[in-house]
């Protein structure tokens, strides 16, 4: 039996998020991603110099990363 990923949006995140019985004691990936535009408390102390804005981020492919020169 193949389990489909579960995506759930909480309007007000609880202190604890329950894990479904079928996923307990298994290898899982959990991603917590804030959906509101409120700035993170960690970002409040950053200056414009420390907070870099770029037009494009280029990520090399796996092959490009492991090229022997």
PDB file of N, CA and C in Angstrom:
ATOM      1  N   UNK A   1       0.839  -1.168   0.000  1.00  0.00           N
ATOM      2  CA  UNK A   1       0.000   0.000   0.000  1.00  0.00           C
ATOM      3  C   UNK A   1       0.894   1.246   0.000  1.00  0.00           C
ATOM      4  N   UNK A   2       0.667   2.147  -0.931  1.00  0.00           N
ATOM      5  CA  UNK A   2       1.432   3.380  -1.036  1.00  0.00           C
ATOM      6  C   UNK A   2       0.650   4.518  -0.398  1.00  0.00           C
ATOM      7  N   UNK A   3       1.308   5.239   0.468  1.00  0.00           N
ATOM      8  CA  UNK A   3       0.657   6.386   1.114  1.00  0.00           C
ATOM      9  C   UNK A   3       0.905   7.624   0.278  1.00  0.00           C
ATOM     10  N   UNK A   4      -0.111   8.420   0.147  1.00  0.00           N
ATOM     11  CA  UNK A   4       0.026   9.701  -0.534  1.00  0.00           C
ATOM     12  C   UNK A   4       0.487  10.738   0.486  1.00  0.00           C
ATOM     13  N   UNK A   5       1.261  11.731   0.047  1.00  0.00           N
ATOM     14  CA  UNK A   5       1.676  12.779   0.978  1.00  0.00           C
ATOM     15  C   UNK A   5       0.474  13.535   1.519  1.00  0.00           C
ATOM     16  N   UNK A   6       0.613  14.015   2.720  1.00  0.00           N
ATOM     17  CA  UNK A   6      -0.451  14.777   3.366  1.00  0.00           C
ATOM     18  C   UNK A   6      -0.018  16.235   3.408  1.00  0.00           C
ATOM     19  N   UNK A   7      -0.880  17.102   2.921  1.00  0.00           N
ATOM     20  CA  UNK A   7      -0.611  18.538   3.013  1.00  0.00           C
ATOM     21  C   UNK A   7      -1.761  19.159   3.779  1.00  0.00           C
ATOM     22  N   UNK A   8      -1.419  19.855   4.836  1.00  0.00           N
ATOM     23  CA  UNK A   8      -2.449  20.450   5.677  1.00  0.00           C
ATOM     24  C   UNK A   8      -2.022  21.866   6.041  1.00  0.00           C
ATOM     25  N   UNK A   9      -2.922  22.817   5.889  1.00  0.00           N
ATOM     26  CA  UNK A   9      -2.644  24.199   6.240  1.00  0.00           C
ATOM     27  C   UNK A   9      -3.384  24.520   7.531  1.00  0.00           C
ATOM     28  N   UNK A  10      -2.651  25.017   8.507  1.00  0.00           N
ATOM     29  CA  UNK A  10      -3.225  25.442   9.773  1.00  0.00           C
ATOM     30  C   UNK A  10      -3.354  26.957   9.747  1.00  0.00           C
ATOM     31  N   UNK A  11      -4.537  27.488   9.990  1.00  0.00           N
ATOM     32  CA  UNK A  11      -4.717  28.937  10.065  1.00  0.00           C
ATOM     33  C   UNK A  11      -4.080  29.498  11.329  1.00  0.00           C
ATOM     34  N   UNK A  12      -4.071  28.704  12.392  1.00  0.00           N
ATOM     35  CA  UNK A  12      -3.426  29.083  13.647  1.00  0.00           C
ATOM     36  C   UNK A  12      -2.716  27.828  14.154  1.00  0.00           C
ATOM     37  N   UNK A  13      -1.406  27.753  13.926  1.00  0.00           N
ATOM     38  CA  UNK A  13      -0.650  26.538  14.236  1.00  0.00           C
ATOM     39  C   UNK A  13      -0.749  26.188  15.717  1.00  0.00           C
ATOM     40  N   UNK A  14      -1.041  24.924  16.028  1.00  0.00           N
ATOM     41  CA  UNK A  14      -1.116  24.493  17.425  1.00  0.00           C
ATOM     42  C   UNK A  14       0.286  24.306  18.010  1.00  0.00           C
ATOM     43  N   UNK A  15       0.353  24.081  19.307  1.00  0.00           N
ATOM     44  CA  UNK A  15       1.643  23.829  19.954  1.00  0.00           C
ATOM     45  C   UNK A  15       2.256  22.519  19.481  1.00  0.00           C
ATOM     46  N   UNK A  16       1.413  21.534  19.189  1.00  0.00           N
ATOM     47  CA  UNK A  16       1.871  20.230  18.733  1.00  0.00           C
ATOM     48  C   UNK A  16       1.059  19.830  17.510  1.00  0.00           C
ATOM     49  N   UNK A  17       1.714  19.205  16.547  1.00  0.00           N
ATOM     50  CA  UNK A  17       1.029  18.737  15.339  1.00  0.00           C
ATOM     51  C   UNK A  17       0.971  17.214  15.400  1.00  0.00           C
ATOM     52  N   UNK A  18      -0.223  16.631  15.379  1.00  0.00           N
ATOM     53  CA  UNK A  18      -0.333  15.170  15.479  1.00  0.00           C
ATOM     54  C   UNK A  18       0.180  14.475  14.214  1.00  0.00           C
ATOM     55  N   UNK A  19       0.817  13.348  14.417  1.00  0.00           N
ATOM     56  CA  UNK A  19       1.297  12.523  13.303  1.00  0.00           C
ATOM     57  C   UNK A  19       0.298  11.380  13.109  1.00  0.00           C
ATOM     58  N   UNK A  20      -0.221  11.192  11.887  1.00  0.00           N
ATOM     59  CA  UNK A  20      -1.170  10.102  11.650  1.00  0.00           C
ATOM     60  C   UNK A  20      -0.574   8.747  12.039  1.00  0.00           C
ATOM     61  N   UNK A  21      -1.411   7.874  12.538  1.00  0.00           N
ATOM     62  CA  UNK A  21      -0.972   6.547  12.996  1.00  0.00           C
ATOM     63  C   UNK A  21      -0.180   5.810  11.914  1.00  0.00           C
ATOM     64  N   UNK A  22      -0.620   5.909  10.662  1.00  0.00           N
ATOM     65  CA  UNK A  22       0.034   5.189   9.558  1.00  0.00           C
ATOM     66  C   UNK A  22       1.452   5.686   9.283  1.00  0.00           C
ATOM     67  N   UNK A  23       1.794   6.896   9.730  1.00  0.00           N
ATOM     68  CA  UNK A  23       3.125   7.446   9.471  1.00  0.00           C
ATOM     69  C   UNK A  23       4.062   7.356  10.669  1.00  0.00           C
ATOM     70  N   UNK A  24       3.561   6.925  11.807  1.00  0.00           N
ATOM     71  CA  UNK A  24       4.406   6.842  13.003  1.00  0.00           C
ATOM     72  C   UNK A  24       5.434   5.734  12.854  1.00  0.00           C
ATOM     73  N   UNK A  25       6.617   6.002  13.385  1.00  0.00           N
ATOM     74  CA  UNK A  25       7.734   5.050  13.384  1.00  0.00           C
ATOM     75  C   UNK A  25       8.167   4.693  11.960  1.00  0.00           C
ATOM     76  N   UNK A  26       8.031   5.659  11.048  1.00  0.00           N
ATOM     77  CA  UNK A  26       8.488   5.489   9.668  1.00  0.00           C
ATOM     78  C   UNK A  26       9.392   6.659   9.317  1.00  0.00           C
ATOM     79  N   UNK A  27      10.101   6.519   8.243  1.00  0.00           N
ATOM     80  CA  UNK A  27      10.945   7.604   7.747  1.00  0.00           C
ATOM     81  C   UNK A  27      10.040   8.594   7.020  1.00  0.00           C
ATOM     82  N   UNK A  28       9.992   9.833   7.498  1.00  0.00           N
ATOM     83  CA  UNK A  28       9.115  10.853   6.917  1.00  0.00           C
ATOM     84  C   UNK A  28       9.884  12.170   6.785  1.00  0.00           C
ATOM     85  N   UNK A  29       9.359  13.047   5.971  1.00  0.00           N
ATOM     86  CA  UNK A  29       9.899  14.401   5.845  1.00  0.00           C
ATOM     87  C   UNK A  29       8.804  15.372   6.266  1.00  0.00           C
ATOM     88  N   UNK A  30       9.154  16.286   7.147  1.00  0.00           N
ATOM     89  CA  UNK A  30       8.195  17.280   7.617  1.00  0.00           C
ATOM     90  C   UNK A  30       8.768  18.650   7.278  1.00  0.00           C
ATOM     91  N   UNK A  31       7.984  19.457   6.574  1.00  0.00           N
ATOM     92  CA  UNK A  31       8.410  20.794   6.190  1.00  0.00           C
ATOM     93  C   UNK A  31       7.433  21.790   6.802  1.00  0.00           C
ATOM     94  N   UNK A  32       7.958  22.713   7.576  1.00  0.00           N
ATOM     95  CA  UNK A  32       7.137  23.784   8.141  1.00  0.00           C
ATOM     96  C   UNK A  32       7.500  25.060   7.399  1.00  0.00           C
ATOM     97  N   UNK A  33       6.529  25.665   6.749  1.00  0.00           N
ATOM     98  CA  UNK A  33       6.770  26.829   5.904  1.00  0.00           C
ATOM     99  C   UNK A  33       5.739  27.898   6.254  1.00  0.00           C
ATOM    100  N   UNK A  34       6.161  29.057   6.759  1.00  0.00           N
ATOM    101  CA  UNK A  34       5.183  30.093   7.104  1.00  0.00           C
ATOM    102  C   UNK A  34       4.533  30.670   5.850  1.00  0.00           C
ATOM    103  N   UNK A  35       3.229  30.827   5.871  1.00  0.00           N
ATOM    104  CA  UNK A  35       2.500  31.336   4.720  1.00  0.00           C
ATOM    105  C   UNK A  35       2.135  32.806   4.857  1.00  0.00           C
ATOM    106  N   UNK A  36       2.296  33.367   6.047  1.00  0.00           N
ATOM    107  CA  UNK A  36       1.941  34.773   6.221  1.00  0.00           C
ATOM    108  C   UNK A  36       3.149  35.663   5.923  1.00  0.00           C
ATOM    109  N   UNK A  37       2.915  36.901   5.502  1.00  0.00           N
ATOM    110  CA  UNK A  37       4.011  37.797   5.133  1.00  0.00           C
ATOM    111  C   UNK A  37       4.702  38.464   6.317  1.00  0.00           C
ATOM    112  N   UNK A  38       4.321  38.104   7.529  1.00  0.00           N
ATOM    113  CA  UNK A  38       4.932  38.698   8.711  1.00  0.00           C
ATOM    114  C   UNK A  38       6.424  38.362   8.740  1.00  0.00           C
ATOM    115  N   UNK A  39       7.291  39.374   8.910  1.00  0.00           N
ATOM    116  CA  UNK A  39       8.731  39.091   8.931  1.00  0.00           C
ATOM    117  C   UNK A  39       9.113  38.251  10.138  1.00  0.00           C
ATOM    118  N   UNK A  40      10.091  37.439   9.951  1.00  0.00           N
ATOM    119  CA  UNK A  40      10.607  36.576  11.011  1.00  0.00           C
ATOM    120  C   UNK A  40      11.322  37.436  12.049  1.00  0.00           C
ATOM    121  N   UNK A  41      11.232  37.082  13.298  1.00  0.00           N
ATOM    122  CA  UNK A  41      11.900  37.847  14.349  1.00  0.00           C
ATOM    123  C   UNK A  41      13.408  37.892  14.132  1.00  0.00           C
ATOM    124  N   UNK A  42      13.972  36.849  13.553  1.00  0.00           N
ATOM    125  CA  UNK A  42      15.413  36.819  13.309  1.00  0.00           C
ATOM    126  C   UNK A  42      15.817  37.845  12.262  1.00  0.00           C
ATOM    127  N   UNK A  43      14.919  38.192  11.332  1.00  0.00           N
ATOM    128  CA  UNK A  43      15.234  39.151  10.274  1.00  0.00           C
ATOM    129  C   UNK A  43      15.164  40.594  10.747  1.00  0.00           C
ATOM    130  N   UNK A  44      14.511  40.856  11.870  1.00  0.00           N
ATOM    131  CA  UNK A  44      14.295  42.231  12.319  1.00  0.00           C
ATOM    132  C   UNK A  44      15.597  42.957  12.624  1.00  0.00           C
ATOM    133  N   UNK A  45      16.615  42.237  13.072  1.00  0.00           N
ATOM    134  CA  UNK A  45      17.876  42.882  13.428  1.00  0.00           C
ATOM    135  C   UNK A  45      18.831  43.036  12.263  1.00  0.00           C
ATOM    136  N   UNK A  46      18.485  42.547  11.078  1.00  0.00           N
ATOM    137  CA  UNK A  46      19.393  42.616   9.937  1.00  0.00           C
ATOM    138  C   UNK A  46      19.332  43.983   9.264  1.00  0.00           C
ATOM    139  N   UNK A  47      20.480  44.456   8.838  1.00  0.00           N
ATOM    140  CA  UNK A  47      20.521  45.691   8.062  1.00  0.00           C
ATOM    141  C   UNK A  47      20.336  45.339   6.588  1.00  0.00           C
ATOM    142  N   UNK A  48      20.134  46.360   5.750  1.00  0.00           N
ATOM    143  CA  UNK A  48      19.995  46.114   4.309  1.00  0.00           C
ATOM    144  C   UNK A  48      21.258  45.480   3.741  1.00  0.00           C
ATOM    145  N   UNK A  49      22.404  45.809   4.315  1.00  0.00           N
ATOM    146  CA  UNK A  49      23.664  45.225   3.848  1.00  0.00           C
ATOM    147  C   UNK A  49      23.686  43.715   4.100  1.00  0.00           C
ATOM    148  N   UNK A  50      23.186  43.284   5.244  1.00  0.00           N
ATOM    149  CA  UNK A  50      23.192  41.866   5.593  1.00  0.00           C
ATOM    150  C   UNK A  50      22.100  41.087   4.872  1.00  0.00           C
ATOM    151  N   UNK A  51      21.026  41.761   4.507  1.00  0.00           N
ATOM    152  CA  UNK A  51      19.917  41.108   3.813  1.00  0.00           C
ATOM    153  C   UNK A  51      20.094  41.370   2.318  1.00  0.00           C
ATOM    154  N   UNK A  52      20.698  40.429   1.619  1.00  0.00           N
ATOM    155  CA  UNK A  52      21.041  40.599   0.214  1.00  0.00           C
ATOM    156  C   UNK A  52      19.824  40.313  -0.663  1.00  0.00           C
ATOM    157  N   UNK A  53      19.582  41.191  -1.621  1.00  0.00           N
ATOM    158  CA  UNK A  53      18.506  40.984  -2.584  1.00  0.00           C
ATOM    159  C   UNK A  53      19.147  40.733  -3.943  1.00  0.00           C
ATOM    160  N   UNK A  54      18.783  39.648  -4.575  1.00  0.00           N
ATOM    161  CA  UNK A  54      19.335  39.304  -5.881  1.00  0.00           C
ATOM    162  C   UNK A  54      18.204  39.055  -6.861  1.00  0.00           C
ATOM    163  N   UNK A  55      18.485  39.257  -8.142  1.00  0.00           N
ATOM    164  CA  UNK A  55      17.487  39.016  -9.178  1.00  0.00           C
ATOM    165  C   UNK A  55      17.326  37.531  -9.471  1.00  0.00           C
ATOM    166  N   UNK A  56      18.421  36.792  -9.378  1.00  0.00           N
ATOM    167  CA  UNK A  56      18.388  35.387  -9.766  1.00  0.00           C
ATOM    168  C   UNK A  56      19.414  34.614  -8.948  1.00  0.00           C
ATOM    169  N   UNK A  57      19.038  33.436  -8.515  1.00  0.00           N
ATOM    170  CA  UNK A  57      19.957  32.543  -7.819  1.00  0.00           C
ATOM    171  C   UNK A  57      20.256  31.387  -8.759  1.00  0.00           C
ATOM    172  N   UNK A  58      21.519  31.211  -9.079  1.00  0.00           N
ATOM    173  CA  UNK A  58      21.909  30.121  -9.968  1.00  0.00           C
ATOM    174  C   UNK A  58      22.452  28.973  -9.137  1.00  0.00           C
ATOM    175  N   UNK A  59      21.826  27.822  -9.278  1.00  0.00           N
ATOM    176  CA  UNK A  59      22.259  26.629  -8.566  1.00  0.00           C
ATOM    177  C   UNK A  59      22.821  25.664  -9.598  1.00  0.00           C
ATOM    178  N   UNK A  60      24.102  25.339  -9.504  1.00  0.00           N
ATOM    179  CA  UNK A  60      24.687  24.434 -10.490  1.00  0.00           C
ATOM    180  C   UNK A  60      24.097  23.032 -10.369  1.00  0.00           C
ATOM    181  N   UNK A  61      24.114  22.325 -11.492  1.00  0.00           N
ATOM    182  CA  UNK A  61      23.610  20.957 -11.485  1.00  0.00           C
ATOM    183  C   UNK A  61      24.558  20.067 -10.686  1.00  0.00           C
ATOM    184  N   UNK A  62      24.106  18.880 -10.396  1.00  0.00           N
ATOM    185  CA  UNK A  62      24.937  17.937  -9.645  1.00  0.00           C
ATOM    186  C   UNK A  62      26.219  17.622 -10.407  1.00  0.00           C
ATOM    187  N   UNK A  63      26.100  17.460 -11.718  1.00  0.00           N
ATOM    188  CA  UNK A  63      27.295  17.170 -12.539  1.00  0.00           C
ATOM    189  C   UNK A  63      28.276  18.329 -12.506  1.00  0.00           C
ATOM    190  N   UNK A  64      27.767  19.558 -12.561  1.00  0.00           N
ATOM    191  CA  UNK A  64      28.642  20.717 -12.530  1.00  0.00           C
ATOM    192  C   UNK A  64      29.354  20.851 -11.189  1.00  0.00           C
ATOM    193  N   UNK A  65      28.695  20.449 -10.126  1.00  0.00           N
ATOM    194  CA  UNK A  65      29.301  20.513  -8.798  1.00  0.00           C
ATOM    195  C   UNK A  65      30.458  19.546  -8.634  1.00  0.00           C
ATOM    196  N   UNK A  66      30.374  18.405  -9.317  1.00  0.00           N
ATOM    197  CA  UNK A  66      31.360  17.339  -9.102  1.00  0.00           C
ATOM    198  C   UNK A  66      32.342  17.176 -10.248  1.00  0.00           C
ATOM    199  N   UNK A  67      32.510  18.230 -11.053  1.00  0.00           N
ATOM    200  CA  UNK A  67      33.466  18.174 -12.150  1.00  0.00           C
ATOM    201  C   UNK A  67      34.869  18.251 -11.564  1.00  0.00           C
ATOM    202  N   UNK A  68      35.735  17.355 -12.023  1.00  0.00           N
ATOM    203  CA  UNK A  68      37.135  17.389 -11.593  1.00  0.00           C
ATOM    204  C   UNK A  68      37.895  18.345 -12.491  1.00  0.00           C
ATOM    205  N   UNK A  69      38.615  19.234 -11.885  1.00  0.00           N
ATOM    206  CA  UNK A  69      39.339  20.246 -12.671  1.00  0.00           C
ATOM    207  C   UNK A  69      40.814  19.981 -12.658  1.00  0.00           C
TER     208      UNK A  69
END
